Structure formats: C-alpha cells, structure tokens
C-alpha cells in the first residue's frame, strides 16, 4: 500500500461554467457539471491534504490569499433563481497553508497579502459542490492579478508547484473561452443537437498543444495574446478567466498535461480542461 504522505497531488484547470448554472442543472452547463463531477477520476481525494484554488472571480492588485479557518460564501452572481442564493458548502480554510503560500511567494519576491475576511466566491463553491460535495478538503482561495499579465501568473504557479509534493492540489477555476458578448448573443438562440459551428478552434488547438507538451513548449502561454483567435476568446482587459489556467500550467513543473474536458458551449465555443499529474 502506498504511503499516504507520498502523494504528489495534481495541478488542474477546470471550467466552472456560468454562475450557479452547473449546480442548477441548466442544459447549456451540463457538460461543465459532468466534467466537474469527473475530477474524482484523476484526483485521489483520500490522500489529498488540501487545495490551493485560484479563482477568476477574485481580482486584486497583489496576490491575495484567503487565510481564515472558515469563510462564508460570496454570492457574486445576479438574477438567478432564489435557491442559488441559499447554497451551503461546509468546507474549511487552512490558515497554516495560507501562511506557507504567503511565505513562499514572499521568498520569490512576489507581493501578496493574507485575507481572513473575504468569502469564497462562486469560482470556488460552485465547482467544489460538484467536485467534492463532501466538503472535507481544506481550501485556500487565491486571487488572480488585475493586470492579467501571463508571465506573472505563470511565475505564481511555479511557486505553488512545491506544495504538490505535500499532497496539496493546485486548482485553477475559470473558463478556457470567455467572450461574454459572444456568449450572451447565443442566449435564446435555437440550437439543434449536433449542430456544431466551433468559433474558437484555432485558439483551443493552441491551448491543447501547449498544455499537453513539455515545459519548454508550455511557456508559449506567456505570449498567448499573439495566437490567432486569442483576443476573440479572451478580449483585451477580460482575461480574468484565462489567468487561472496560466497559474495551473505554471504549477505543472516538468510534466506534460492531458486534456480531461472537451465540450462545445452552445455548440459554438470549445471549452477545454487540463490536468498535470
């Protein structure tokens, strides 16, 4: 039997869907919900000691780290059914791990701060309700930077890599495609089953190539804006949902990743999720 303490936890990127829709069971978000429930297929929760969860829904000037024993839920979405504002997720924080993350970032000259007040936003509790409904794994929520600088986020990920050897998973929670204007335009549009017209195939192919290749190739993420279709997928100033992927890729270390989620949102927008084991 393997030694529990030897578990090298994965780094992963998940697509958390639109607001509470994956938990509500909205048809357009069923593939997101399925992929989140399938995380148990490549994360050994029986040996996992904690999760450092980088959420697209917390943007800050410097890296901010949730450090409380317990955090309330922050219902940072609007105009959804009443039940979606009554959700509970009983997970706990980990002040000791939060301090270790802060110290590790400080050692590398990356400014950060501890925050024991801010609640867990829906980039945390919505995917975790499906990933681990038992709510028995400590979570430290980490922000992205407002500047959306890929190099800085990749460096943050490289610092977080060290925690994986201690059974701490690094989880980026965002969307691999996040053009809100284009996605909103599809609401109410009648779509026939199987009617695929993928708008972001070129950029998604780039993501699949770099995320499933070696570390040297993966550094191509640093110049992602130059890739055809990149600013269509994540418009200038709106790359908040892409930065968790960059952090997770930075935390990957030398290992190649694999795509564990591939779906077509509204049959138009390719979404991809990755894990580095």
Protein backbone atom coordinates (compact mmCIF):
# COMPACT_ATOMS: atom_id res chain seq x y z
CA UNK A 1 0.00 0.00 0.00
CA UNK A 2 1.35 3.46 -0.97
CA UNK A 3 2.45 5.81 1.78
CA UNK A 4 -0.26 8.45 2.22
CA UNK A 5 2.32 11.17 2.75
CA UNK A 6 3.96 10.46 -0.62
CA UNK A 7 1.00 11.61 -2.72
CA UNK A 8 2.15 14.13 -5.34
CA UNK A 9 -1.09 15.99 -5.94
CA UNK A 10 -2.00 17.23 -9.42
CA UNK A 11 -2.32 20.69 -10.86
CA UNK A 12 -5.50 21.14 -12.84
CA UNK A 13 -7.66 23.65 -14.66
CA UNK A 14 -11.45 23.36 -14.64
CA UNK A 15 -14.18 25.26 -16.45
CA UNK A 16 -16.59 26.37 -13.75
CA UNK A 17 -19.50 27.29 -16.02
CA UNK A 18 -21.81 30.30 -15.85
CA UNK A 19 -22.71 31.43 -12.35
CA UNK A 20 -24.59 28.68 -10.48
CA UNK A 21 -25.82 27.03 -13.70
CA UNK A 22 -23.76 23.81 -13.37
CA UNK A 23 -25.34 23.13 -9.96
CA UNK A 24 -28.79 24.24 -11.13
CA UNK A 25 -28.60 21.70 -13.96
CA UNK A 26 -29.14 24.23 -16.76
CA UNK A 27 -28.89 22.43 -20.11
CA UNK A 28 -26.11 24.63 -21.52
CA UNK A 29 -23.97 23.82 -18.46
CA UNK A 30 -24.49 20.07 -18.25
CA UNK A 31 -21.10 19.32 -19.80
CA UNK A 32 -19.42 21.60 -17.26
CA UNK A 33 -21.21 19.82 -14.43
CA UNK A 34 -20.21 16.41 -15.79
CA UNK A 35 -16.56 17.40 -16.07
CA UNK A 36 -16.52 18.75 -12.51
CA UNK A 37 -18.01 15.54 -11.13
CA UNK A 38 -15.34 13.59 -13.03
CA UNK A 39 -12.44 15.31 -11.24
CA UNK A 40 -12.55 12.41 -8.77
CA UNK A 41 -11.29 10.20 -11.62
CA UNK A 42 -7.84 11.82 -11.53
CA UNK A 43 -7.58 13.29 -8.02
CA UNK A 44 -7.18 10.86 -5.12
CA UNK A 45 -9.25 12.66 -2.51
CA UNK A 46 -8.48 10.01 0.10
CA UNK A 47 -4.85 11.19 0.07
CA UNK A 48 -5.34 14.86 -0.72
CA UNK A 49 -4.33 17.19 2.14
CA UNK A 50 -5.70 20.43 0.71
CA UNK A 51 -6.45 22.56 -2.34
CA UNK A 52 -4.96 25.87 -3.39
CA UNK A 53 -7.77 27.19 -5.56
CA UNK A 54 -7.07 30.08 -7.94
CA UNK A 55 -10.35 31.76 -8.84
CA UNK A 56 -11.12 34.03 -11.78
CA UNK A 57 -13.66 35.88 -9.64
CA UNK A 58 -11.17 37.48 -7.27
CA UNK A 59 -9.01 40.09 -8.97
CA UNK A 60 -6.54 42.07 -6.87
CA UNK A 61 -3.55 44.39 -7.24
CA UNK A 62 -1.35 41.85 -5.46
CA UNK A 63 -1.85 38.13 -4.89
CA UNK A 64 -4.48 37.75 -2.19
CA UNK A 65 -4.84 34.59 -0.12
CA UNK A 66 -7.83 33.52 1.99
CA UNK A 67 -6.48 32.76 5.45
CA UNK A 68 -9.46 32.18 7.71
CA UNK A 69 -10.50 28.97 9.44
CA UNK A 70 -13.91 29.42 7.86
CA UNK A 71 -15.17 31.59 5.01
CA UNK A 72 -18.76 32.48 4.22
CA UNK A 73 -20.00 32.04 0.66
CA UNK A 74 -19.94 35.12 -1.55
CA UNK A 75 -22.90 35.00 -3.92
CA UNK A 76 -21.28 37.18 -6.56
CA UNK A 77 -23.79 36.47 -9.33
CA UNK A 78 -27.06 38.15 -10.24
CA UNK A 79 -30.59 37.37 -11.47
CA UNK A 80 -30.55 33.64 -10.78
CA UNK A 81 -33.22 31.52 -9.04
CA UNK A 82 -33.66 32.10 -5.29
CA UNK A 83 -32.34 28.66 -4.37
CA UNK A 84 -28.94 29.56 -5.81
CA UNK A 85 -28.54 32.15 -3.04
CA UNK A 86 -29.16 29.58 -0.34
CA UNK A 87 -26.40 27.14 -1.22
CA UNK A 88 -24.18 25.81 1.53
CA UNK A 89 -20.66 24.47 1.24
CA UNK A 90 -19.22 23.41 4.57
CA UNK A 91 -15.56 23.30 3.56
CA UNK A 92 -12.97 24.80 5.85
CA UNK A 93 -10.00 27.04 5.26
CA UNK A 94 -6.39 26.35 6.24
CA UNK A 95 -4.62 29.31 7.89
CA UNK A 96 -1.36 27.37 8.19
CA UNK A 97 -1.28 26.53 4.48
CA UNK A 98 -2.27 30.11 3.65
CA UNK A 99 0.73 31.41 5.60
CA UNK A 100 3.00 28.92 3.84
CA UNK A 101 1.76 30.16 0.45
CA UNK A 102 2.35 33.75 1.55
CA UNK A 103 5.88 32.91 2.74
CA UNK A 104 6.72 31.01 -0.45
CA UNK A 105 5.59 33.89 -2.65
CA UNK A 106 7.47 36.40 -0.49
CA UNK A 107 10.64 34.34 -0.77
CA UNK A 108 10.44 34.71 -4.57
CA UNK A 109 9.76 38.44 -4.36
CA UNK A 110 6.07 38.18 -5.32
CA UNK A 111 3.96 40.62 -3.26
CA UNK A 112 0.96 39.03 -1.56
CA UNK A 113 -1.36 39.50 1.38
CA UNK A 114 -3.46 37.34 3.67
CA UNK A 115 -7.22 37.94 3.87
CA UNK A 116 -9.28 36.23 6.57
CA UNK A 117 -12.49 38.16 5.79
CA UNK A 118 -13.44 37.77 2.12
CA UNK A 119 -15.89 34.99 1.38
CA UNK A 120 -15.38 32.14 -1.05
CA UNK A 121 -16.75 33.34 -4.39
CA UNK A 122 -18.65 31.20 -6.87
CA UNK A 123 -15.42 30.36 -8.68
CA UNK A 124 -14.77 28.27 -5.56
CA UNK A 125 -18.01 26.94 -4.14
CA UNK A 126 -19.89 26.18 -7.38
CA UNK A 127 -17.22 23.83 -8.82
CA UNK A 128 -16.43 22.39 -5.37
CA UNK A 129 -20.08 21.49 -4.76
CA UNK A 130 -19.72 19.13 -7.72
CA UNK A 131 -16.03 18.20 -7.39
CA UNK A 132 -16.19 17.33 -3.69
CA UNK A 133 -19.70 17.60 -2.22
CA UNK A 134 -18.39 16.02 0.99
CA UNK A 135 -16.62 19.35 1.66
CA UNK A 136 -13.91 17.58 3.65
CA UNK A 137 -10.80 19.02 1.95
CA UNK A 138 -9.29 22.30 3.27
CA UNK A 139 -9.28 25.07 0.68
CA UNK A 140 -7.13 28.17 0.35
CA UNK A 141 -8.61 30.60 -2.16
CA UNK A 142 -6.11 32.65 -4.19
CA UNK A 143 -6.82 35.66 -6.40
CA UNK A 144 -5.63 36.49 -9.88
CA UNK A 145 -3.96 39.80 -10.62
CA UNK A 146 -5.90 42.67 -12.17
CA UNK A 147 -3.13 43.24 -14.70
CA UNK A 148 -3.75 39.84 -16.38
CA UNK A 149 -0.01 39.55 -17.02
CA UNK A 150 0.63 35.98 -18.14
CA UNK A 151 4.28 35.91 -17.08
CA UNK A 152 3.47 36.98 -13.54
CA UNK A 153 0.71 34.39 -13.25
CA UNK A 154 2.98 31.67 -14.62
CA UNK A 155 5.59 32.60 -12.01
CA UNK A 156 2.96 32.38 -9.28
CA UNK A 157 2.16 28.88 -10.50
CA UNK A 158 5.84 27.91 -10.43
CA UNK A 159 5.97 28.90 -6.76
CA UNK A 160 2.84 26.86 -5.99
CA UNK A 161 4.32 23.75 -7.62
CA UNK A 162 6.28 22.91 -4.44
CA UNK A 163 3.09 22.32 -2.45
CA UNK A 164 2.02 19.45 -4.68
CA UNK A 165 4.63 17.12 -3.20
CA UNK A 166 2.86 17.54 0.15
CA UNK A 167 -0.47 16.36 -1.21
CA UNK A 168 -1.82 19.85 -1.97
CA UNK A 169 -3.56 20.19 -5.33
CA UNK A 170 -3.38 23.42 -7.33
CA UNK A 171 -6.73 24.08 -8.98
CA UNK A 172 -7.36 26.87 -11.49
CA UNK A 173 -11.04 27.75 -11.81
CA UNK A 174 -12.07 29.76 -14.88
CA UNK A 175 -13.09 29.23 -18.50
CA UNK A 176 -10.84 28.47 -21.45
CA UNK A 177 -13.13 30.66 -23.60
CA UNK A 178 -14.70 33.75 -22.04
CA UNK A 179 -16.03 36.26 -24.54
CA UNK A 180 -19.14 37.39 -22.68
CA UNK A 181 -20.50 39.41 -25.60
CA UNK A 182 -20.42 36.39 -27.92
CA UNK A 183 -21.79 34.02 -25.29
CA UNK A 184 -24.67 36.33 -24.35
CA UNK A 185 -25.58 36.64 -28.02
CA UNK A 186 -26.30 32.90 -28.07
CA UNK A 187 -28.86 33.01 -25.26
CA UNK A 188 -32.27 32.22 -26.63
CA UNK A 189 -30.89 31.10 -29.99
CA UNK A 190 -32.37 27.78 -31.01
CA UNK A 191 -29.61 25.22 -31.42
CA UNK A 192 -30.19 21.77 -32.84
CA UNK A 193 -28.45 18.84 -31.21
CA UNK A 194 -25.25 18.03 -33.05
CA UNK A 195 -25.22 21.36 -34.88
CA UNK A 196 -21.58 22.26 -34.23
CA UNK A 197 -20.07 25.51 -35.50
CA UNK A 198 -16.95 25.98 -33.37
CA UNK A 199 -15.78 29.59 -33.43
CA UNK A 200 -12.51 29.24 -31.47
CA UNK A 201 -11.00 26.07 -32.89
CA UNK A 202 -7.60 27.63 -33.66
CA UNK A 203 -7.06 29.08 -30.19
CA UNK A 204 -8.32 25.94 -28.50
CA UNK A 205 -5.91 23.84 -30.60
CA UNK A 206 -3.10 26.09 -29.38
CA UNK A 207 -4.14 25.53 -25.77
CA UNK A 208 -4.30 21.79 -26.25
CA UNK A 209 -0.86 21.74 -27.86
CA UNK A 210 0.94 23.79 -25.21
CA UNK A 211 -0.85 22.30 -22.21
CA UNK A 212 -0.14 18.71 -23.25
CA UNK A 213 3.50 19.34 -24.19
CA UNK A 214 6.70 19.69 -22.19
CA UNK A 215 7.56 22.67 -20.02
CA UNK A 216 9.51 24.49 -22.73
CA UNK A 217 6.58 24.39 -25.13
CA UNK A 218 4.12 25.26 -22.35
CA UNK A 219 5.91 28.58 -21.86
CA UNK A 220 4.25 29.58 -25.12
CA UNK A 221 1.35 30.58 -22.90
CA UNK A 222 3.32 33.69 -21.99
CA UNK A 223 2.74 35.10 -25.48
CA UNK A 224 -0.81 33.76 -25.80
CA UNK A 225 -2.18 37.12 -27.00
CA UNK A 226 -0.26 36.72 -30.29
CA UNK A 227 -2.07 33.48 -31.15
CA UNK A 228 -4.80 33.77 -33.80
CA UNK A 229 -8.19 33.96 -32.12
CA UNK A 230 -6.76 34.73 -28.67
CA UNK A 231 -8.36 38.13 -28.24
CA UNK A 232 -11.61 36.77 -29.58
CA UNK A 233 -11.55 34.09 -26.87
CA UNK A 234 -10.41 36.48 -24.14
CA UNK A 235 -10.86 40.14 -25.15
CA UNK A 236 -8.31 42.71 -24.02
CA UNK A 237 -8.84 43.53 -20.36
CA UNK A 238 -11.12 40.50 -19.88
CA UNK A 239 -8.62 37.68 -19.41
CA UNK A 240 -9.55 37.06 -15.78
CA UNK A 241 -10.93 33.60 -16.61
CA UNK A 242 -7.79 32.65 -18.51
CA UNK A 243 -5.28 33.51 -15.77
CA UNK A 244 -6.19 30.52 -13.53
CA UNK A 245 -5.20 28.26 -16.43
CA UNK A 246 -1.85 30.03 -16.69
CA UNK A 247 -1.25 29.59 -12.94
CA UNK A 248 -2.16 25.90 -13.11
CA UNK A 249 0.19 25.45 -16.08
CA UNK A 250 2.97 27.17 -14.17
CA UNK A 251 2.41 24.80 -11.26
CA UNK A 252 2.74 21.81 -13.59
CA UNK A 253 6.51 21.52 -13.32
CA UNK A 254 8.19 19.35 -15.96
CA UNK A 255 5.23 17.04 -16.54
CA UNK A 256 3.10 17.04 -19.67
CA UNK A 257 -0.59 17.60 -19.17
CA UNK A 258 -3.58 15.89 -20.65
CA UNK A 259 -6.93 17.22 -21.68
CA UNK A 260 -9.65 15.88 -19.42
CA UNK A 261 -12.53 18.03 -20.62
CA UNK A 262 -13.63 18.95 -24.12
CA UNK A 263 -17.05 20.37 -24.81
CA UNK A 264 -18.83 22.87 -27.05
CA UNK A 265 -20.68 25.59 -25.14
CA UNK A 266 -23.83 26.49 -27.08
CA UNK A 267 -22.32 24.23 -29.79
CA UNK A 268 -20.13 27.21 -30.72
CA UNK A 269 -17.37 27.72 -28.20
CA UNK A 270 -14.85 24.98 -27.45
CA UNK A 271 -14.04 24.56 -23.76
CA UNK A 272 -11.05 22.56 -22.57
CA UNK A 273 -9.84 21.45 -19.14
CA UNK A 274 -6.43 20.01 -18.28
CA UNK A 275 -4.62 18.11 -15.57
CA UNK A 276 -0.90 17.76 -14.83
CA UNK A 277 -0.18 14.71 -12.70
